[in-house]
N, C-alpha and C. Protein backbone atom coordinates (compact mmCIF):
# COMPACT_ATOMS: atom_id res chain seq x y z
N MET A 1 13.09 -12.08 -15.05
CA MET A 1 13.64 -10.84 -14.50
C MET A 1 13.04 -9.63 -15.20
N LYS A 2 12.99 -9.66 -16.54
CA LYS A 2 12.47 -8.53 -17.31
C LYS A 2 11.00 -8.27 -16.96
N TRP A 3 10.22 -9.34 -16.78
CA TRP A 3 8.80 -9.18 -16.50
C TRP A 3 8.57 -8.53 -15.14
N LYS A 4 9.38 -8.87 -14.15
CA LYS A 4 9.26 -8.24 -12.82
C LYS A 4 9.58 -6.76 -12.90
N PHE A 5 10.60 -6.41 -13.68
CA PHE A 5 10.97 -5.01 -13.87
C PHE A 5 9.83 -4.23 -14.53
N ILE A 6 9.25 -4.81 -15.57
CA ILE A 6 8.12 -4.16 -16.25
C ILE A 6 6.95 -3.99 -15.30
N ASN A 7 6.66 -5.02 -14.50
CA ASN A 7 5.57 -4.94 -13.54
C ASN A 7 5.79 -3.80 -12.55
N LYS A 8 7.00 -3.63 -12.06
CA LYS A 8 7.30 -2.54 -11.11
C LYS A 8 7.04 -1.18 -11.74
N ILE A 9 7.42 -1.01 -13.00
CA ILE A 9 7.20 0.26 -13.70
C ILE A 9 5.70 0.51 -13.89
N VAL A 10 4.97 -0.52 -14.34
CA VAL A 10 3.53 -0.39 -14.57
C VAL A 10 2.82 0.05 -13.29
N VAL A 11 3.15 -0.60 -12.18
CA VAL A 11 2.50 -0.29 -10.90
C VAL A 11 2.91 1.08 -10.39
N LYS A 12 4.21 1.36 -10.39
CA LYS A 12 4.72 2.63 -9.84
C LYS A 12 4.23 3.84 -10.62
N GLU A 13 4.25 3.75 -11.94
CA GLU A 13 3.91 4.89 -12.79
C GLU A 13 2.44 4.92 -13.20
N GLU A 14 1.66 3.94 -12.74
CA GLU A 14 0.23 3.83 -13.08
C GLU A 14 0.03 3.86 -14.60
N ILE A 15 0.80 3.06 -15.28
CA ILE A 15 0.74 3.00 -16.74
C ILE A 15 -0.58 2.40 -17.18
N GLN A 16 -1.14 2.93 -18.24
CA GLN A 16 -2.43 2.47 -18.75
C GLN A 16 -2.27 1.58 -19.99
N LEU A 17 -1.19 1.75 -20.74
CA LEU A 17 -0.93 0.94 -21.93
C LEU A 17 0.57 0.83 -22.11
N ILE A 18 1.02 -0.37 -22.44
CA ILE A 18 2.46 -0.58 -22.67
C ILE A 18 2.63 -1.54 -23.84
N CYS A 19 3.66 -1.29 -24.64
CA CYS A 19 3.98 -2.18 -25.76
C CYS A 19 5.41 -2.67 -25.59
N ASN A 20 5.61 -3.93 -25.93
CA ASN A 20 6.91 -4.56 -25.75
C ASN A 20 7.26 -5.32 -27.02
N GLN A 21 8.49 -5.24 -27.43
CA GLN A 21 8.93 -6.03 -28.59
C GLN A 21 9.97 -7.03 -28.13
N GLU A 22 10.15 -8.06 -28.94
CA GLU A 22 11.12 -9.11 -28.64
C GLU A 22 10.83 -9.77 -27.29
N THR A 23 9.60 -10.23 -27.10
CA THR A 23 9.22 -10.82 -25.81
C THR A 23 9.89 -12.17 -25.56
N ARG A 24 10.32 -12.83 -26.62
CA ARG A 24 10.96 -14.14 -26.54
C ARG A 24 10.04 -15.22 -25.96
N LYS A 25 8.76 -15.04 -26.17
CA LYS A 25 7.77 -16.04 -25.75
C LYS A 25 7.05 -16.55 -26.99
N GLU A 26 6.89 -17.85 -27.08
CA GLU A 26 6.16 -18.44 -28.20
C GLU A 26 4.66 -18.23 -28.04
N VAL A 27 4.18 -18.34 -26.79
CA VAL A 27 2.75 -18.20 -26.51
C VAL A 27 2.59 -17.30 -25.29
N MET A 28 1.73 -16.29 -25.42
CA MET A 28 1.42 -15.43 -24.28
C MET A 28 0.14 -15.92 -23.63
N LYS A 29 0.24 -16.34 -22.40
CA LYS A 29 -0.92 -16.85 -21.68
C LYS A 29 -1.46 -15.76 -20.75
N HIS A 30 -2.74 -15.91 -20.41
CA HIS A 30 -3.40 -14.94 -19.55
C HIS A 30 -2.67 -14.78 -18.22
N GLU A 31 -2.20 -15.88 -17.65
CA GLU A 31 -1.50 -15.82 -16.36
C GLU A 31 -0.25 -14.96 -16.43
N LEU A 32 0.50 -15.09 -17.53
CA LEU A 32 1.71 -14.28 -17.69
C LEU A 32 1.36 -12.82 -17.87
N CYS A 33 0.35 -12.52 -18.66
CA CYS A 33 -0.07 -11.13 -18.85
C CYS A 33 -0.53 -10.52 -17.53
N LYS A 34 -1.27 -11.26 -16.72
CA LYS A 34 -1.69 -10.77 -15.40
C LYS A 34 -0.48 -10.51 -14.52
N ALA A 35 0.51 -11.40 -14.57
CA ALA A 35 1.72 -11.23 -13.75
C ALA A 35 2.52 -10.00 -14.18
N ILE A 36 2.63 -9.79 -15.48
CA ILE A 36 3.35 -8.62 -15.99
C ILE A 36 2.63 -7.34 -15.57
N TRP A 37 1.31 -7.34 -15.75
CA TRP A 37 0.51 -6.15 -15.49
C TRP A 37 0.28 -5.91 -14.01
N GLY A 38 0.24 -7.00 -13.23
CA GLY A 38 0.02 -6.87 -11.80
C GLY A 38 -1.45 -6.77 -11.43
N ASP A 39 -2.33 -7.10 -12.36
CA ASP A 39 -3.77 -6.98 -12.14
C ASP A 39 -4.48 -7.88 -13.14
N CYS A 40 -5.61 -8.44 -12.74
CA CYS A 40 -6.34 -9.32 -13.66
C CYS A 40 -7.17 -8.51 -14.66
N GLU A 41 -7.24 -7.19 -14.49
CA GLU A 41 -8.02 -6.33 -15.39
C GLU A 41 -7.18 -5.89 -16.58
N VAL A 42 -6.51 -6.84 -17.20
CA VAL A 42 -5.61 -6.55 -18.32
C VAL A 42 -6.17 -7.19 -19.59
N GLN A 43 -5.97 -6.50 -20.68
CA GLN A 43 -6.26 -7.06 -22.00
C GLN A 43 -5.00 -6.90 -22.83
N TRP A 44 -4.88 -7.67 -23.89
CA TRP A 44 -3.67 -7.60 -24.69
C TRP A 44 -3.91 -8.08 -26.11
N VAL A 45 -2.98 -7.67 -26.97
CA VAL A 45 -2.90 -8.15 -28.35
C VAL A 45 -1.45 -8.55 -28.55
N VAL A 46 -1.24 -9.66 -29.21
CA VAL A 46 0.11 -10.15 -29.45
C VAL A 46 0.28 -10.50 -30.92
N GLN A 47 1.46 -10.20 -31.43
CA GLN A 47 1.81 -10.61 -32.79
C GLN A 47 2.93 -11.63 -32.67
N PRO A 48 2.69 -12.86 -33.11
CA PRO A 48 3.72 -13.89 -33.01
C PRO A 48 4.96 -13.54 -33.83
N THR A 49 6.03 -14.24 -33.56
CA THR A 49 7.28 -14.06 -34.29
C THR A 49 7.07 -14.30 -35.78
N ILE A 50 7.56 -13.38 -36.59
CA ILE A 50 7.49 -13.52 -38.04
C ILE A 50 8.92 -13.43 -38.57
N ASN A 51 9.38 -14.51 -39.22
CA ASN A 51 10.76 -14.58 -39.73
C ASN A 51 11.73 -14.25 -38.60
N SER A 52 12.52 -13.22 -38.73
CA SER A 52 13.48 -12.87 -37.69
C SER A 52 12.96 -11.79 -36.75
N THR A 53 11.76 -11.30 -37.00
CA THR A 53 11.17 -10.26 -36.15
C THR A 53 10.57 -10.91 -34.92
N GLY A 54 10.97 -10.46 -33.75
CA GLY A 54 10.48 -11.03 -32.50
C GLY A 54 9.04 -10.67 -32.24
N GLU A 55 8.46 -11.38 -31.32
CA GLU A 55 7.06 -11.18 -30.96
C GLU A 55 6.82 -9.78 -30.41
N LEU A 56 5.66 -9.23 -30.71
CA LEU A 56 5.24 -7.92 -30.19
C LEU A 56 4.06 -8.13 -29.25
N LEU A 57 4.00 -7.33 -28.20
CA LEU A 57 2.95 -7.46 -27.20
C LEU A 57 2.50 -6.08 -26.76
N CYS A 58 1.19 -5.83 -26.79
CA CYS A 58 0.60 -4.62 -26.24
C CYS A 58 -0.34 -5.03 -25.12
N LEU A 59 -0.19 -4.42 -23.96
CA LEU A 59 -1.03 -4.67 -22.79
C LEU A 59 -1.67 -3.37 -22.36
N TRP A 60 -2.92 -3.43 -21.88
CA TRP A 60 -3.56 -2.22 -21.39
C TRP A 60 -4.55 -2.56 -20.29
N PHE A 61 -4.81 -1.56 -19.48
CA PHE A 61 -5.76 -1.65 -18.38
C PHE A 61 -7.15 -1.47 -18.97
N LYS A 62 -7.98 -2.50 -18.89
CA LYS A 62 -9.25 -2.46 -19.61
C LYS A 62 -10.24 -1.42 -19.10
N ASP A 63 -9.99 -0.87 -17.91
CA ASP A 63 -10.85 0.22 -17.44
C ASP A 63 -10.54 1.55 -18.11
N TYR A 64 -9.41 1.62 -18.82
CA TYR A 64 -9.00 2.87 -19.46
C TYR A 64 -9.10 2.87 -20.98
N PHE A 65 -9.14 1.68 -21.58
CA PHE A 65 -9.12 1.62 -23.03
C PHE A 65 -10.07 0.53 -23.51
N ASP A 66 -11.02 0.91 -24.37
CA ASP A 66 -11.93 -0.05 -25.01
C ASP A 66 -11.43 -0.31 -26.42
N LEU A 67 -10.91 -1.49 -26.66
CA LEU A 67 -10.41 -1.85 -27.99
C LEU A 67 -11.59 -2.10 -28.92
N THR A 68 -11.59 -1.41 -30.06
CA THR A 68 -12.64 -1.63 -31.05
C THR A 68 -12.11 -2.41 -32.25
N ASN A 69 -10.80 -2.30 -32.50
CA ASN A 69 -10.21 -3.01 -33.63
C ASN A 69 -8.70 -3.07 -33.44
N SER A 70 -8.10 -4.15 -33.91
CA SER A 70 -6.64 -4.23 -33.94
C SER A 70 -6.23 -4.77 -35.31
N PHE A 71 -5.06 -4.39 -35.75
CA PHE A 71 -4.54 -4.85 -37.03
C PHE A 71 -3.04 -5.01 -36.90
N GLN A 72 -2.50 -5.89 -37.72
CA GLN A 72 -1.08 -6.19 -37.62
C GLN A 72 -0.45 -6.27 -39.00
N GLY A 73 0.81 -5.96 -39.03
CA GLY A 73 1.59 -6.09 -40.25
C GLY A 73 2.98 -6.58 -39.88
N ASN A 74 3.87 -6.57 -40.82
CA ASN A 74 5.22 -7.03 -40.56
C ASN A 74 5.93 -6.08 -39.60
N GLY A 75 5.99 -6.46 -38.35
CA GLY A 75 6.70 -5.67 -37.35
C GLY A 75 5.88 -4.60 -36.66
N PHE A 76 4.56 -4.63 -36.75
CA PHE A 76 3.77 -3.64 -36.02
C PHE A 76 2.41 -4.19 -35.61
N ILE A 77 1.86 -3.57 -34.59
CA ILE A 77 0.49 -3.81 -34.13
C ILE A 77 -0.19 -2.45 -34.08
N GLY A 78 -1.36 -2.34 -34.64
CA GLY A 78 -2.17 -1.13 -34.55
C GLY A 78 -3.37 -1.39 -33.67
N LEU A 79 -3.67 -0.45 -32.80
CA LEU A 79 -4.83 -0.55 -31.92
C LEU A 79 -5.75 0.62 -32.17
N LYS A 80 -7.04 0.35 -32.28
CA LYS A 80 -8.03 1.39 -32.43
C LYS A 80 -9.03 1.19 -31.29
N GLY A 81 -9.32 2.28 -30.59
CA GLY A 81 -10.25 2.16 -29.48
C GLY A 81 -10.60 3.51 -28.89
N ILE A 82 -11.22 3.44 -27.73
CA ILE A 82 -11.70 4.63 -27.04
C ILE A 82 -11.05 4.68 -25.66
N TRP A 83 -10.41 5.83 -25.36
CA TRP A 83 -9.83 6.04 -24.03
C TRP A 83 -10.93 6.46 -23.07
N ARG A 84 -10.90 5.91 -21.87
CA ARG A 84 -11.83 6.28 -20.81
C ARG A 84 -11.03 6.72 -19.60
N LYS A 85 -11.68 7.33 -18.66
CA LYS A 85 -11.00 7.78 -17.45
C LYS A 85 -10.72 6.65 -16.48
N GLY A 86 -11.47 5.57 -16.52
CA GLY A 86 -11.24 4.43 -15.64
C GLY A 86 -12.01 4.47 -14.37
């Protein structure tokens, strides 16, 4: 249910990057990321569950953002890249 809601927002608002915490998924597969995003032109970075901190997920439209580096720590994901017009 939550994934369908997120997909509607992404499509309606033409979102280029979205981050989600507490995904409650052990493994994020490409098919699920495509379903959430509503397009196969999606890239993502995920941080698995650490202790009691839930999984973190960042998704973006690859025509708008070129990821050059990502880094993670306890409870955060950092993304470094270049924004493009798409």
